Amino acid sequence: MNLSRIAWLIGVAILVMIANIAVSILYMVVYSYLIDPGHEKQYYDEHVQMAAPYCSIVAGIPLMFLAGWWVGGWWQGESAVRSALIVWLVYAVIDVAIILASGVTSRMAILVAVSILTKLASVYAGALFANGSRSG
């Protein structure tokens, strides 16, 4: 695997992360304007701290599946799965670094573990799906 390929895979991981953050922002907009409007900024800041990890898990599953399917379609066989796993690894390293920098509670550690593992399963399934749909 050459440097150009790895750069593309890093880009895909960052794109997934941006999309995942956008989902959390969209959730907070909907929550603050439609679901529970009329509170102070502090109320919403506290709510997003609680809700963002769940948004990451829920939105991350289809996002990582799509990323695995996308990069899995670029190459065949083991390279497809390996490429998808590189996307996941880059995402996981960045995500864990951000969480560690912001301080980790035991609740947060459990949610991060669930998030990382569901993303791993999703990206792997996406790459397998890409390989299976190409061979059939």
Protein backbone atom coordinates (compact mmCIF):
# COMPACT_ATOMS: atom_id res chain seq x y z
CA MET A 1 0.00 0.00 0.00
CA ASN A 2 1.55 3.28 -1.08
CA LEU A 3 1.52 6.68 0.59
CA SER A 4 -1.10 8.06 -1.79
CA ARG A 5 -3.55 5.31 -0.83
CA ILE A 6 -2.97 5.87 2.86
CA ALA A 7 -3.54 9.61 2.42
CA TRP A 8 -6.91 8.88 0.75
CA LEU A 9 -7.86 6.54 3.59
CA ILE A 10 -6.91 9.16 6.20
CA GLY A 11 -9.06 11.64 4.28
CA VAL A 12 -12.02 9.25 4.38
CA ALA A 13 -11.60 8.81 8.14
CA ILE A 14 -11.56 12.57 8.65
CA LEU A 15 -14.60 12.93 6.40
CA VAL A 16 -16.49 10.39 8.53
CA MET A 17 -15.49 12.28 11.66
CA ILE A 18 -16.71 15.58 10.21
CA ALA A 19 -20.01 13.96 9.20
CA ASN A 20 -20.38 12.47 12.67
CA ILE A 21 -19.79 15.86 14.30
CA ALA A 22 -22.29 17.42 11.88
CA VAL A 23 -24.92 14.93 13.04
CA SER A 24 -24.35 15.98 16.66
CA ILE A 25 -24.68 19.64 15.68
CA LEU A 26 -27.84 18.92 13.72
CA TYR A 27 -29.24 17.03 16.69
CA MET A 28 -28.57 19.99 18.99
CA VAL A 29 -30.22 22.42 16.56
CA VAL A 30 -33.33 20.24 16.37
CA TYR A 31 -33.30 19.68 20.14
CA SER A 32 -32.89 23.34 21.04
CA TYR A 33 -35.40 24.72 18.53
CA LEU A 34 -38.04 21.99 18.28
CA ILE A 35 -37.82 19.53 21.15
CA ASP A 36 -36.93 21.64 24.19
CA PRO A 37 -36.70 25.34 23.28
CA GLY A 38 -36.41 28.33 25.58
CA HIS A 39 -33.49 27.45 27.83
CA GLU A 40 -30.21 29.22 28.51
CA LYS A 41 -27.08 28.34 26.53
CA GLN A 42 -25.62 26.55 29.57
CA TYR A 43 -28.54 24.09 29.55
CA TYR A 44 -27.85 23.12 25.94
CA ASP A 45 -24.09 22.96 26.53
CA GLU A 46 -24.68 20.44 29.32
CA HIS A 47 -27.13 18.48 27.20
CA VAL A 48 -24.74 18.15 24.26
CA GLN A 49 -22.05 16.80 26.62
CA MET A 50 -24.45 14.00 27.51
CA ALA A 51 -25.95 13.46 24.05
CA ALA A 52 -22.90 13.69 21.75
CA PRO A 53 -21.48 10.24 22.60
CA TYR A 54 -24.84 8.64 21.82
CA CYS A 55 -25.09 10.60 18.58
CA SER A 56 -21.63 9.35 17.68
CA ILE A 57 -22.65 5.75 18.23
CA VAL A 58 -25.98 5.96 16.41
CA ALA A 59 -24.72 8.00 13.45
CA GLY A 60 -21.32 6.31 13.39
CA ILE A 61 -22.70 2.88 12.55
CA PRO A 62 -24.11 3.78 9.11
CA LEU A 63 -21.34 6.30 8.43
CA MET A 64 -18.61 3.72 9.03
CA PHE A 65 -20.51 1.07 7.07
CA LEU A 66 -20.67 3.45 4.11
CA ALA A 67 -16.97 4.30 4.50
CA GLY A 68 -16.07 0.59 4.55
CA TRP A 69 -18.26 -0.04 1.51
CA TRP A 70 -16.79 2.95 -0.30
CA VAL A 71 -13.12 2.14 0.25
CA GLY A 72 -13.84 -1.58 -0.04
CA GLY A 73 -15.02 -0.90 -3.58
CA TRP A 74 -11.68 0.67 -4.48
CA TRP A 75 -9.72 -2.56 -4.09
CA GLN A 76 -10.39 -6.29 -4.11
CA GLY A 77 -10.00 -9.01 -1.51
CA GLU A 78 -7.82 -8.46 1.51
CA SER A 79 -6.83 -4.98 0.35
CA ALA A 80 -10.45 -3.87 0.62
CA VAL A 81 -10.78 -5.06 4.21
CA ARG A 82 -7.32 -3.77 5.12
CA SER A 83 -8.19 -0.36 3.68
CA ALA A 84 -11.44 -0.22 5.65
CA LEU A 85 -9.59 -1.15 8.83
CA ILE A 86 -7.08 1.66 8.22
CA VAL A 87 -9.99 4.12 7.97
CA TRP A 88 -11.31 2.81 11.29
CA LEU A 89 -7.88 2.91 12.94
CA VAL A 90 -7.27 6.53 11.93
CA TYR A 91 -10.75 7.49 13.15
CA ALA A 92 -10.24 5.63 16.44
CA VAL A 93 -6.83 7.20 17.11
CA ILE A 94 -8.15 10.72 16.50
CA ASP A 95 -11.32 10.08 18.54
CA VAL A 96 -9.47 8.59 21.50
CA ALA A 97 -6.89 11.40 21.44
CA ILE A 98 -9.66 14.00 21.60
CA ILE A 99 -11.41 12.16 24.44
CA LEU A 100 -8.18 11.79 26.41
CA ALA A 101 -7.40 15.47 25.97
CA SER A 102 -10.84 16.45 27.24
CA GLY A 103 -10.75 14.21 30.30
CA VAL A 104 -12.18 10.73 30.64
CA THR A 105 -14.81 9.61 33.10
CA SER A 106 -15.74 5.96 33.54
CA ARG A 107 -19.10 6.60 31.81
CA MET A 108 -17.29 8.26 28.92
CA ALA A 109 -14.78 5.40 28.66
CA ILE A 110 -17.60 2.88 28.30
CA LEU A 111 -19.34 4.98 25.64
CA VAL A 112 -16.08 5.45 23.72
CA ALA A 113 -15.44 1.70 23.83
CA VAL A 114 -18.95 0.99 22.51
CA SER A 115 -18.52 3.66 19.84
CA ILE A 116 -15.15 2.35 18.68
CA LEU A 117 -16.30 -1.28 18.61
CA THR A 118 -19.54 -0.56 16.73
CA LYS A 119 -17.57 1.47 14.19
CA LEU A 120 -15.11 -1.40 13.78
CA ALA A 121 -17.90 -3.89 13.12
CA SER A 122 -19.60 -1.45 10.73
CA VAL A 123 -16.53 -0.62 8.64
CA TYR A 124 -15.63 -4.31 8.42
CA ALA A 125 -19.16 -5.23 7.35
CA GLY A 126 -19.11 -2.46 4.76
CA ALA A 127 -15.87 -3.73 3.25
CA LEU A 128 -17.20 -7.30 3.17
CA PHE A 129 -20.41 -6.08 1.55
CA ALA A 130 -18.40 -4.23 -1.11
CA ASN A 131 -16.39 -7.39 -1.85
CA GLY A 132 -19.49 -9.60 -1.89
CA SER A 133 -21.49 -7.32 -4.17
CA ARG A 134 -18.60 -7.14 -6.65
CA SER A 135 -18.19 -10.92 -6.86
CA GLY A 136 -21.91 -11.68 -7.27
